[in-house]
């Protein structure tokens, strides 16, 4: 599986590198208040991709923290209910009957 993922990574790198080589022309990016930014197209695309990924991570941050807090509160609730019920931590299940074969170990004779 590692070999397949390495091959896929190499192929994607070659494709993206070819894309970058094909898109080196200069572009103008016009902002408000007569502000203008000039640079290669591939760098503009990369910058906006990185900015979008960063904004996506920032947008998910409150949800992640809320879920962690809820998980922590649920864990505390479970522990308090278990201690109130007197069960404590749940023990591992034990089988009803276990057949154990005792085989004597005899050293080999030479």
C-alpha atoms as a PDB file:
ATOM      1  CA  UNK A   1       0.000   0.000   0.000  1.00  0.00           C
ATOM      2  CA  UNK A   2       2.896   2.324   0.759  1.00  0.00           C
ATOM      3  CA  UNK A   3       4.228   1.706  -2.743  1.00  0.00           C
ATOM      4  CA  UNK A   4       0.895   2.676  -4.320  1.00  0.00           C
ATOM      5  CA  UNK A   5       0.629   5.875  -2.277  1.00  0.00           C
ATOM      6  CA  UNK A   6       4.211   6.785  -3.245  1.00  0.00           C
ATOM      7  CA  UNK A   7       3.406   6.309  -6.937  1.00  0.00           C
ATOM      8  CA  UNK A   8       0.215   8.378  -6.604  1.00  0.00           C
ATOM      9  CA  UNK A   9       2.178  11.133  -4.835  1.00  0.00           C
ATOM     10  CA  UNK A  10       4.805  11.207  -7.586  1.00  0.00           C
ATOM     11  CA  UNK A  11       2.152  11.366 -10.310  1.00  0.00           C
ATOM     12  CA  UNK A  12       0.311  14.207  -8.534  1.00  0.00           C
ATOM     13  CA  UNK A  13       3.565  16.116  -8.057  1.00  0.00           C
ATOM     14  CA  UNK A  14       4.371  15.812 -11.773  1.00  0.00           C
ATOM     15  CA  UNK A  15       0.856  16.964 -12.713  1.00  0.00           C
ATOM     16  CA  UNK A  16       0.956  19.985 -10.383  1.00  0.00           C
ATOM     17  CA  UNK A  17       4.492  20.865 -11.472  1.00  0.00           C
ATOM     18  CA  UNK A  18       3.374  20.804 -15.117  1.00  0.00           C
ATOM     19  CA  UNK A  19       0.401  22.980 -14.207  1.00  0.00           C
ATOM     20  CA  UNK A  20       2.757  25.474 -12.560  1.00  0.00           C
ATOM     21  CA  UNK A  21       5.044  25.569 -15.589  1.00  0.00           C
ATOM     22  CA  UNK A  22       2.099  26.213 -17.906  1.00  0.00           C
ATOM     23  CA  UNK A  23       0.737  29.123 -15.809  1.00  0.00           C
ATOM     24  CA  UNK A  24       3.671  31.486 -15.358  1.00  0.00           C
ATOM     25  CA  UNK A  25       2.134  34.525 -17.092  1.00  0.00           C
ATOM     26  CA  UNK A  26       1.766  37.740 -15.106  1.00  0.00           C
ATOM     27  CA  UNK A  27      -1.678  38.644 -13.797  1.00  0.00           C
ATOM     28  CA  UNK A  28      -3.083  41.762 -12.159  1.00  0.00           C
ATOM     29  CA  UNK A  29      -5.276  41.498  -9.106  1.00  0.00           C
ATOM     30  CA  UNK A  30      -7.330  44.636  -8.494  1.00  0.00           C
ATOM     31  CA  UNK A  31      -8.518  45.408  -4.966  1.00  0.00           C
ATOM     32  CA  UNK A  32     -10.639  48.261  -3.651  1.00  0.00           C
ATOM     33  CA  UNK A  33      -9.235  51.782  -3.272  1.00  0.00           C
ATOM     34  CA  UNK A  34      -7.053  51.511  -6.392  1.00  0.00           C
ATOM     35  CA  UNK A  35      -4.792  48.865  -4.834  1.00  0.00           C
ATOM     36  CA  UNK A  36      -3.284  46.486  -7.376  1.00  0.00           C
ATOM     37  CA  UNK A  37      -1.169  43.364  -6.965  1.00  0.00           C
ATOM     38  CA  UNK A  38       0.858  41.913  -9.817  1.00  0.00           C
ATOM     39  CA  UNK A  39       2.448  38.445  -9.916  1.00  0.00           C
ATOM     40  CA  UNK A  40       2.572  35.042 -11.622  1.00  0.00           C
ATOM     41  CA  UNK A  41      -0.753  33.243 -11.962  1.00  0.00           C
ATOM     42  CA  UNK A  42       0.456  30.084 -10.252  1.00  0.00           C
ATOM     43  CA  UNK A  43       1.573  32.049  -7.172  1.00  0.00           C
ATOM     44  CA  UNK A  44      -1.767  33.852  -7.017  1.00  0.00           C
ATOM     45  CA  UNK A  45      -3.604  30.514  -7.176  1.00  0.00           C
ATOM     46  CA  UNK A  46      -1.363  29.034  -4.499  1.00  0.00           C
ATOM     47  CA  UNK A  47      -1.835  32.038  -2.221  1.00  0.00           C
ATOM     48  CA  UNK A  48      -5.628  31.890  -2.505  1.00  0.00           C
ATOM     49  CA  UNK A  49      -5.629  28.119  -1.980  1.00  0.00           C
ATOM     50  CA  UNK A  50      -3.583  28.486   1.216  1.00  0.00           C
ATOM     51  CA  UNK A  51      -5.768  31.375   2.401  1.00  0.00           C
ATOM     52  CA  UNK A  52      -8.921  29.313   1.786  1.00  0.00           C
ATOM     53  CA  UNK A  53      -7.519  26.318   3.656  1.00  0.00           C
ATOM     54  CA  UNK A  54      -6.546  28.550   6.593  1.00  0.00           C
ATOM     55  CA  UNK A  55     -10.014  30.137   6.688  1.00  0.00           C
ATOM     56  CA  UNK A  56     -11.592  26.676   6.587  1.00  0.00           C
ATOM     57  CA  UNK A  57      -9.529  25.538   9.569  1.00  0.00           C
ATOM     58  CA  UNK A  58     -10.419  28.713  11.458  1.00  0.00           C
ATOM     59  CA  UNK A  59     -14.091  28.156  10.698  1.00  0.00           C
ATOM     60  CA  UNK A  60     -13.915  24.620  12.160  1.00  0.00           C
ATOM     61  CA  UNK A  61     -12.084  25.641  15.334  1.00  0.00           C
ATOM     62  CA  UNK A  62     -15.177  26.602  17.430  1.00  0.00           C
ATOM     63  CA  UNK A  63     -16.906  23.341  16.494  1.00  0.00           C
ATOM     64  CA  UNK A  64     -13.878  21.268  17.499  1.00  0.00           C
ATOM     65  CA  UNK A  65     -13.563  23.019  20.854  1.00  0.00           C
ATOM     66  CA  UNK A  66     -17.308  22.668  21.521  1.00  0.00           C
ATOM     67  CA  UNK A  67     -17.197  18.925  20.764  1.00  0.00           C
ATOM     68  CA  UNK A  68     -14.160  18.455  23.020  1.00  0.00           C
ATOM     69  CA  UNK A  69     -15.922  20.289  25.851  1.00  0.00           C
ATOM     70  CA  UNK A  70     -19.074  18.174  25.382  1.00  0.00           C
ATOM     71  CA  UNK A  71     -16.985  15.001  25.384  1.00  0.00           C
ATOM     72  CA  UNK A  72     -15.293  16.061  28.627  1.00  0.00           C
ATOM     73  CA  UNK A  73     -18.636  16.901  30.259  1.00  0.00           C
ATOM     74  CA  UNK A  74     -20.122  13.572  29.137  1.00  0.00           C
ATOM     75  CA  UNK A  75     -17.125  11.715  30.564  1.00  0.00           C
ATOM     76  CA  UNK A  76     -17.570  13.460  33.923  1.00  0.00           C
ATOM     77  CA  UNK A  77     -21.305  12.671  33.887  1.00  0.00           C
ATOM     78  CA  UNK A  78     -20.647   8.992  33.167  1.00  0.00           C
ATOM     79  CA  UNK A  79     -18.087   8.787  35.981  1.00  0.00           C
ATOM     80  CA  UNK A  80     -20.439  10.443  38.470  1.00  0.00           C
ATOM     81  CA  UNK A  81     -23.306   8.119  37.495  1.00  0.00           C
ATOM     82  CA  UNK A  82     -21.064   5.065  37.819  1.00  0.00           C
ATOM     83  CA  UNK A  83     -19.838   6.148  41.248  1.00  0.00           C
ATOM     84  CA  UNK A  84     -23.419   6.873  42.348  1.00  0.00           C
ATOM     85  CA  UNK A  85     -24.496   3.412  41.201  1.00  0.00           C
ATOM     86  CA  UNK A  86     -21.533   1.853  43.001  1.00  0.00           C
ATOM     87  CA  UNK A  87     -20.210   0.152  39.913  1.00  0.00           C
ATOM     88  CA  UNK A  88     -17.036   2.168  39.549  1.00  0.00           C
ATOM     89  CA  UNK A  89     -15.196   1.405  36.394  1.00  0.00           C
ATOM     90  CA  UNK A  90     -16.665  -1.457  34.411  1.00  0.00           C
ATOM     91  CA  UNK A  91     -14.649  -4.647  34.796  1.00  0.00           C
ATOM     92  CA  UNK A  92     -13.714  -6.862  31.914  1.00  0.00           C
ATOM     93  CA  UNK A  93     -16.256  -9.624  31.319  1.00  0.00           C
ATOM     94  CA  UNK A  94     -15.249 -13.026  32.664  1.00  0.00           C
ATOM     95  CA  UNK A  95     -16.315 -16.281  31.085  1.00  0.00           C
ATOM     96  CA  UNK A  96     -18.529 -18.677  33.070  1.00  0.00           C
ATOM     97  CA  UNK A  97     -16.217 -21.653  32.758  1.00  0.00           C
ATOM     98  CA  UNK A  98     -12.763 -21.905  31.355  1.00  0.00           C
ATOM     99  CA  UNK A  99     -11.276 -25.238  30.438  1.00  0.00           C
ATOM    100  CA  UNK A 100      -7.585 -25.214  31.200  1.00  0.00           C
ATOM    101  CA  UNK A 101      -5.421 -28.066  30.073  1.00  0.00           C
ATOM    102  CA  UNK A 102      -2.413 -28.636  32.291  1.00  0.00           C
ATOM    103  CA  UNK A 103       0.419 -30.227  30.384  1.00  0.00           C
ATOM    104  CA  UNK A 104       3.490 -31.243  32.388  1.00  0.00           C
ATOM    105  CA  UNK A 105       6.752 -30.027  30.962  1.00  0.00           C
ATOM    106  CA  UNK A 106       9.261 -32.839  30.749  1.00  0.00           C
ATOM    107  CA  UNK A 107      12.842 -32.077  29.716  1.00  0.00           C
ATOM    108  CA  UNK A 108      13.969 -34.000  26.643  1.00  0.00           C
ATOM    109  CA  UNK A 109      16.259 -37.007  27.215  1.00  0.00           C
ATOM    110  CA  UNK A 110      19.579 -37.169  25.422  1.00  0.00           C
END
